[in-house]
Amino acid sequence: MSDDTVVHPSSHDIGTRLYRARVAAGLSRPELARLAGVSVYAIADIECDRKHTYPSGLTIAGVARALGTTMDALWWGGDDEITTA
């Protein structure tokens, strides 16, 4: 892979990680949306991979903050596994 290659996480993986983190935090979609400052539709679109696009960085930042985790954990998972407060 060259230095200028951009690697994107799968939008499906992001949705799966978001769903698992939300459930682990004991939050409904409306509750998470309110805490993250996004619409409930944005949460549902990410979790269900409805738009087959990547959510914005601002959306992921708000969701990560609301869940007490990092953007990296939502984007990539792996070593930076999602933990909720």
C-alpha atoms as a PDB file:
ATOM      1  CA  MET A   1       0.000   0.000   0.000  1.00  0.00           C
ATOM      2  CA  SER A   2       1.444   3.396  -0.951  1.00  0.00           C
ATOM      3  CA  ASP A   3       1.666   6.314   1.460  1.00  0.00           C
ATOM      4  CA  ASP A   4      -1.088   8.195  -0.360  1.00  0.00           C
ATOM      5  CA  THR A   5      -3.621   5.358  -0.163  1.00  0.00           C
ATOM      6  CA  VAL A   6      -6.627   6.225   1.951  1.00  0.00           C
ATOM      7  CA  VAL A   7      -8.165   3.354   3.876  1.00  0.00           C
ATOM      8  CA  HIS A   8     -11.794   3.708   4.896  1.00  0.00           C
ATOM      9  CA  PRO A   9     -13.564   1.554   7.446  1.00  0.00           C
ATOM     10  CA  SER A  10     -16.594  -0.334   6.250  1.00  0.00           C
ATOM     11  CA  SER A  11     -19.757   1.644   6.952  1.00  0.00           C
ATOM     12  CA  HIS A  12     -21.377  -1.646   8.024  1.00  0.00           C
ATOM     13  CA  ASP A  13     -18.650  -2.168  10.654  1.00  0.00           C
ATOM     14  CA  ILE A  14     -19.202   1.333  12.012  1.00  0.00           C
ATOM     15  CA  GLY A  15     -22.913   0.616  12.326  1.00  0.00           C
ATOM     16  CA  THR A  16     -22.282  -2.655  14.137  1.00  0.00           C
ATOM     17  CA  ARG A  17     -19.852  -1.039  16.575  1.00  0.00           C
ATOM     18  CA  LEU A  18     -22.243   1.852  17.193  1.00  0.00           C
ATOM     19  CA  TYR A  19     -25.158  -0.504  17.834  1.00  0.00           C
ATOM     20  CA  ARG A  20     -23.135  -2.625  20.278  1.00  0.00           C
ATOM     21  CA  ALA A  21     -21.841   0.447  22.135  1.00  0.00           C
ATOM     22  CA  ARG A  22     -25.317   1.965  22.362  1.00  0.00           C
ATOM     23  CA  VAL A  23     -26.839  -1.242  23.722  1.00  0.00           C
ATOM     24  CA  ALA A  24     -23.936  -1.706  26.171  1.00  0.00           C
ATOM     25  CA  ALA A  25     -24.540   1.844  27.424  1.00  0.00           C
ATOM     26  CA  GLY A  26     -28.237   1.033  27.927  1.00  0.00           C
ATOM     27  CA  LEU A  27     -29.371   3.817  25.584  1.00  0.00           C
ATOM     28  CA  SER A  28     -32.215   3.897  23.099  1.00  0.00           C
ATOM     29  CA  ARG A  29     -31.679   5.520  19.719  1.00  0.00           C
ATOM     30  CA  PRO A  30     -33.597   8.655  20.771  1.00  0.00           C
ATOM     31  CA  GLU A  31     -31.581   8.928  23.986  1.00  0.00           C
ATOM     32  CA  LEU A  32     -28.255   8.610  22.162  1.00  0.00           C
ATOM     33  CA  ALA A  33     -29.357  11.049  19.475  1.00  0.00           C
ATOM     34  CA  ARG A  34     -30.273  13.651  22.108  1.00  0.00           C
ATOM     35  CA  LEU A  35     -26.976  13.211  23.968  1.00  0.00           C
ATOM     36  CA  ALA A  36     -24.956  13.323  20.734  1.00  0.00           C
ATOM     37  CA  GLY A  37     -26.801  16.307  19.290  1.00  0.00           C
ATOM     38  CA  VAL A  38     -27.842  14.456  16.134  1.00  0.00           C
ATOM     39  CA  SER A  39     -31.144  13.203  14.780  1.00  0.00           C
ATOM     40  CA  VAL A  40     -32.487   9.787  15.635  1.00  0.00           C
ATOM     41  CA  TYR A  41     -32.498   9.189  11.873  1.00  0.00           C
ATOM     42  CA  ALA A  42     -28.732   9.746  11.783  1.00  0.00           C
ATOM     43  CA  ILE A  43     -28.238   7.073  14.456  1.00  0.00           C
ATOM     44  CA  ALA A  44     -30.559   4.651  12.649  1.00  0.00           C
ATOM     45  CA  ASP A  45     -28.922   5.334   9.269  1.00  0.00           C
ATOM     46  CA  ILE A  46     -25.484   4.547  10.686  1.00  0.00           C
ATOM     47  CA  GLU A  47     -26.584   1.436  12.579  1.00  0.00           C
ATOM     48  CA  CYS A  48     -28.539   0.036   9.639  1.00  0.00           C
ATOM     49  CA  ASP A  49     -26.075   1.195   6.948  1.00  0.00           C
ATOM     50  CA  ARG A  50     -29.052   2.702   5.134  1.00  0.00           C
ATOM     51  CA  LYS A  51     -27.259   5.307   3.091  1.00  0.00           C
ATOM     52  CA  HIS A  52     -24.164   3.198   2.380  1.00  0.00           C
ATOM     53  CA  THR A  53     -22.033   6.255   3.072  1.00  0.00           C
ATOM     54  CA  TYR A  54     -19.773   7.265   5.908  1.00  0.00           C
ATOM     55  CA  PRO A  55     -21.177   9.470   8.658  1.00  0.00           C
ATOM     56  CA  SER A  56     -19.496  12.844   9.067  1.00  0.00           C
ATOM     57  CA  GLY A  57     -16.668  13.307  11.506  1.00  0.00           C
ATOM     58  CA  LEU A  58     -18.833  15.713  13.495  1.00  0.00           C
ATOM     59  CA  THR A  59     -21.552  13.090  13.835  1.00  0.00           C
ATOM     60  CA  ILE A  60     -19.090  10.412  14.955  1.00  0.00           C
ATOM     61  CA  ALA A  61     -17.439  12.873  17.373  1.00  0.00           C
ATOM     62  CA  GLY A  62     -20.778  13.660  19.019  1.00  0.00           C
ATOM     63  CA  VAL A  63     -21.768  10.007  19.217  1.00  0.00           C
ATOM     64  CA  ALA A  64     -18.377   8.987  20.625  1.00  0.00           C
ATOM     65  CA  ARG A  65     -18.559  11.747  23.248  1.00  0.00           C
ATOM     66  CA  ALA A  66     -22.093  10.705  24.229  1.00  0.00           C
ATOM     67  CA  LEU A  67     -20.990   7.077  24.575  1.00  0.00           C
ATOM     68  CA  GLY A  68     -17.835   7.927  26.508  1.00  0.00           C
ATOM     69  CA  THR A  69     -15.598   6.379  23.873  1.00  0.00           C
ATOM     70  CA  THR A  70     -13.321   7.571  21.083  1.00  0.00           C
ATOM     71  CA  MET A  71     -13.894   8.263  17.422  1.00  0.00           C
ATOM     72  CA  ASP A  72     -11.158   5.719  16.629  1.00  0.00           C
ATOM     73  CA  ALA A  73     -13.044   3.024  18.527  1.00  0.00           C
ATOM     74  CA  LEU A  74     -16.173   3.662  16.459  1.00  0.00           C
ATOM     75  CA  TRP A  75     -14.335   4.013  13.140  1.00  0.00           C
ATOM     76  CA  TRP A  76     -11.834   1.185  13.509  1.00  0.00           C
ATOM     77  CA  GLY A  77     -12.557  -0.968  16.576  1.00  0.00           C
ATOM     78  CA  GLY A  78      -9.697  -3.400  17.163  1.00  0.00           C
ATOM     79  CA  ASP A  79      -7.120  -2.454  19.788  1.00  0.00           C
ATOM     80  CA  ASP A  80      -9.072   0.659  20.738  1.00  0.00           C
ATOM     81  CA  GLU A  81     -12.078  -1.426  21.720  1.00  0.00           C
ATOM     82  CA  ILE A  82     -15.201   0.436  22.749  1.00  0.00           C
ATOM     83  CA  THR A  83     -15.627   0.958  26.437  1.00  0.00           C
ATOM     84  CA  THR A  84     -18.447   2.954  27.910  1.00  0.00           C
ATOM     85  CA  ALA A  85     -18.473   4.817  31.183  1.00  0.00           C
END
